[in-house]
Amino acid sequence: MIQRSKTVRISSAVTAALFLLSTVGCYNTYRVERDEFAKLQRKPDDTNIVTITDTEQQQVAVEESTSLYVRSIGGRRYPVTPFNFRISQTQLVASDRDTLLAVNGIESYEVDHLSTWKTVLLASGGAAIAAGVILAIIFTSGQKTFD
């Protein structure tokens, strides 16, 4: 009976881990200069996508569903909604997020894109680990008898 409850606990843990892995994704984070980030304050009338250049001179497409962040000098990340914030000379205002930050307190401006391949690799690795645990349980469980 002890063996069976141990197996149930391990199976439950593996199931929980797989669920958590299915809700997590991997992101590519692009850092941009303040002037490039400021281009995302307002969406142009003729398109739903705005392309900006990151600090490594890569083109980064931003649409309404893209995740934007500003990182304070202390390291905290504040989410910002694309096309719904304002940057002045002294402050960043994201009223829908109740965020008001001094521009001189912002360390970096960031754009996050979901990385399909990194997410697939993470999920596949998690599934392989889960399968390995299940197989280890099966092969090491010994003789099963019911009294």
Protein backbone atom coordinates (compact mmCIF):
# COMPACT_ATOMS: atom_id res chain seq x y z
CA MET A 1 0.00 0.00 0.00
CA ILE A 2 2.89 2.35 0.67
CA GLN A 3 4.25 1.82 -2.85
CA ARG A 4 0.92 2.75 -4.43
CA SER A 5 0.54 6.04 -2.53
CA LYS A 6 4.11 7.00 -3.42
CA THR A 7 3.33 6.36 -7.09
CA VAL A 8 0.15 8.44 -6.86
CA ARG A 9 2.07 11.35 -5.29
CA ILE A 10 4.74 11.22 -7.98
CA SER A 11 2.13 11.01 -10.75
CA SER A 12 0.32 13.99 -9.26
CA ALA A 13 3.55 15.98 -9.12
CA VAL A 14 4.37 15.12 -12.74
CA THR A 15 0.85 16.13 -13.84
CA ALA A 16 1.14 19.43 -11.99
CA ALA A 17 4.57 20.08 -13.53
CA LEU A 18 3.25 19.40 -17.04
CA PHE A 19 0.34 21.78 -16.45
CA LEU A 20 2.71 24.51 -15.29
CA LEU A 21 4.96 23.97 -18.29
CA SER A 22 1.98 24.29 -20.62
CA THR A 23 1.21 27.76 -19.26
CA VAL A 24 4.76 29.10 -19.49
CA GLY A 25 6.49 30.35 -22.59
CA CYS A 26 9.93 31.58 -23.46
CA TYR A 27 10.43 35.10 -24.70
CA ASN A 28 12.96 37.01 -26.75
CA THR A 29 13.52 40.39 -25.09
CA TYR A 30 14.63 43.30 -27.25
CA ARG A 31 16.01 46.43 -25.61
CA VAL A 32 15.27 49.66 -27.41
CA GLU A 33 16.32 53.27 -26.99
CA ARG A 34 13.91 55.79 -25.51
CA ASP A 35 13.30 57.51 -28.88
CA GLU A 36 12.38 54.19 -30.53
CA PHE A 37 10.12 53.25 -27.61
CA ALA A 38 8.41 56.65 -27.92
CA LYS A 39 7.29 55.67 -31.44
CA LEU A 40 4.95 53.15 -29.77
CA GLN A 41 2.89 55.83 -28.01
CA ARG A 42 0.39 56.09 -30.82
CA LYS A 43 -0.70 53.59 -33.48
CA PRO A 44 -0.65 54.89 -37.04
CA ASP A 45 -4.03 54.97 -38.75
CA ASP A 46 -2.93 52.95 -41.77
CA THR A 47 -1.42 49.87 -40.05
CA ASN A 48 -1.70 47.68 -36.96
CA ILE A 49 2.06 47.03 -36.78
CA VAL A 50 4.84 49.47 -35.98
CA THR A 51 8.44 48.44 -36.65
CA ILE A 52 11.19 49.83 -34.45
CA THR A 53 14.95 49.17 -34.18
CA ASP A 54 16.48 47.64 -31.05
CA THR A 55 19.89 48.48 -29.58
CA GLU A 56 21.51 45.75 -31.74
CA GLN A 57 20.03 47.23 -34.95
CA GLN A 58 17.43 44.46 -35.39
CA GLN A 59 13.96 45.30 -36.67
CA VAL A 60 11.25 44.54 -34.08
CA ALA A 61 7.56 44.49 -35.00
CA VAL A 62 5.11 45.72 -32.39
CA GLU A 63 1.35 45.31 -32.45
CA GLU A 64 -1.38 45.75 -29.83
CA SER A 65 -0.81 42.29 -28.34
CA THR A 66 2.97 42.73 -27.96
CA SER A 67 4.34 42.89 -24.42
CA LEU A 68 6.17 46.11 -23.60
CA TYR A 69 8.06 46.85 -20.39
CA VAL A 70 10.15 49.55 -18.81
CA ARG A 71 12.76 48.53 -16.27
CA SER A 72 13.53 50.90 -13.41
CA ILE A 73 17.04 51.52 -12.15
CA GLY A 74 16.21 49.23 -9.21
CA GLY A 75 15.44 46.38 -11.66
CA ARG A 76 11.64 46.25 -11.41
CA ARG A 77 9.77 45.69 -14.68
CA TYR A 78 6.65 47.72 -15.32
CA PRO A 79 4.26 46.58 -18.07
CA VAL A 80 3.20 49.17 -20.62
CA THR A 81 0.36 48.75 -23.11
CA PRO A 82 1.40 49.45 -26.71
CA PHE A 83 -0.11 52.61 -28.20
CA ASN A 84 -1.61 53.60 -24.83
CA PHE A 85 1.06 55.54 -22.93
CA ARG A 86 2.84 58.88 -23.06
CA ILE A 87 6.49 59.81 -22.60
CA SER A 88 7.40 63.42 -21.93
CA GLN A 89 10.82 64.87 -21.17
CA THR A 90 10.41 64.03 -17.49
CA GLN A 91 7.94 61.17 -17.07
CA LEU A 92 6.29 58.10 -18.53
CA VAL A 93 2.55 57.81 -17.97
CA ALA A 94 0.66 54.56 -18.57
CA SER A 95 -2.77 55.46 -17.20
CA ASP A 96 -4.38 52.08 -17.95
CA ARG A 97 -1.72 50.44 -15.74
CA ASP A 98 -1.72 53.22 -13.10
CA THR A 99 1.97 53.78 -13.79
CA LEU A 100 3.77 57.08 -13.45
CA LEU A 101 7.57 56.90 -13.66
CA ALA A 102 10.28 59.52 -13.83
CA VAL A 103 12.20 59.11 -17.08
CA ASN A 104 15.53 59.55 -15.28
CA GLY A 105 14.57 56.52 -13.11
CA ILE A 106 14.13 54.20 -16.11
CA GLU A 107 17.09 51.96 -16.92
CA SER A 108 15.78 50.29 -20.10
CA TYR A 109 12.87 49.98 -22.49
CA GLU A 110 11.98 46.42 -23.54
CA VAL A 111 9.84 44.58 -26.10
CA ASP A 112 9.05 40.89 -25.50
CA HIS A 113 8.12 38.47 -28.29
CA LEU A 114 7.02 34.90 -27.60
CA SER A 115 9.67 32.53 -28.96
CA THR A 116 7.93 29.55 -30.52
CA TRP A 117 11.06 27.39 -30.73
CA LYS A 118 12.20 28.07 -27.17
CA THR A 119 8.71 27.30 -25.89
CA VAL A 120 8.50 24.07 -27.90
CA LEU A 121 11.91 22.99 -26.60
CA LEU A 122 10.89 23.78 -23.00
CA ALA A 123 7.64 21.84 -23.32
CA SER A 124 9.36 18.92 -25.06
CA GLY A 125 12.05 18.78 -22.40
CA GLY A 126 9.40 18.81 -19.68
CA ALA A 127 7.47 16.03 -21.38
CA ALA A 128 10.66 13.96 -21.80
CA ILE A 129 11.49 14.38 -18.11
CA ALA A 130 7.95 13.39 -17.14
CA ALA A 131 8.10 10.33 -19.37
CA GLY A 132 11.45 9.40 -17.84
CA VAL A 133 10.03 9.67 -14.32
CA ILE A 134 7.02 7.54 -15.25
CA LEU A 135 9.24 4.90 -16.87
CA ALA A 136 11.55 4.90 -13.84
CA ILE A 137 8.55 4.32 -11.59
CA ILE A 138 7.32 1.46 -13.76
CA PHE A 139 10.70 -0.29 -13.99
CA THR A 140 11.63 0.12 -10.32
CA SER A 141 8.26 -0.64 -8.75
CA GLY A 142 8.74 -4.39 -8.27
CA GLN A 143 6.07 -7.07 -7.83
CA LYS A 144 2.50 -5.86 -7.32
CA THR A 145 0.25 -7.96 -5.08
CA PHE A 146 -3.16 -7.21 -3.69
CA ASP A 147 -4.20 -8.84 -0.41
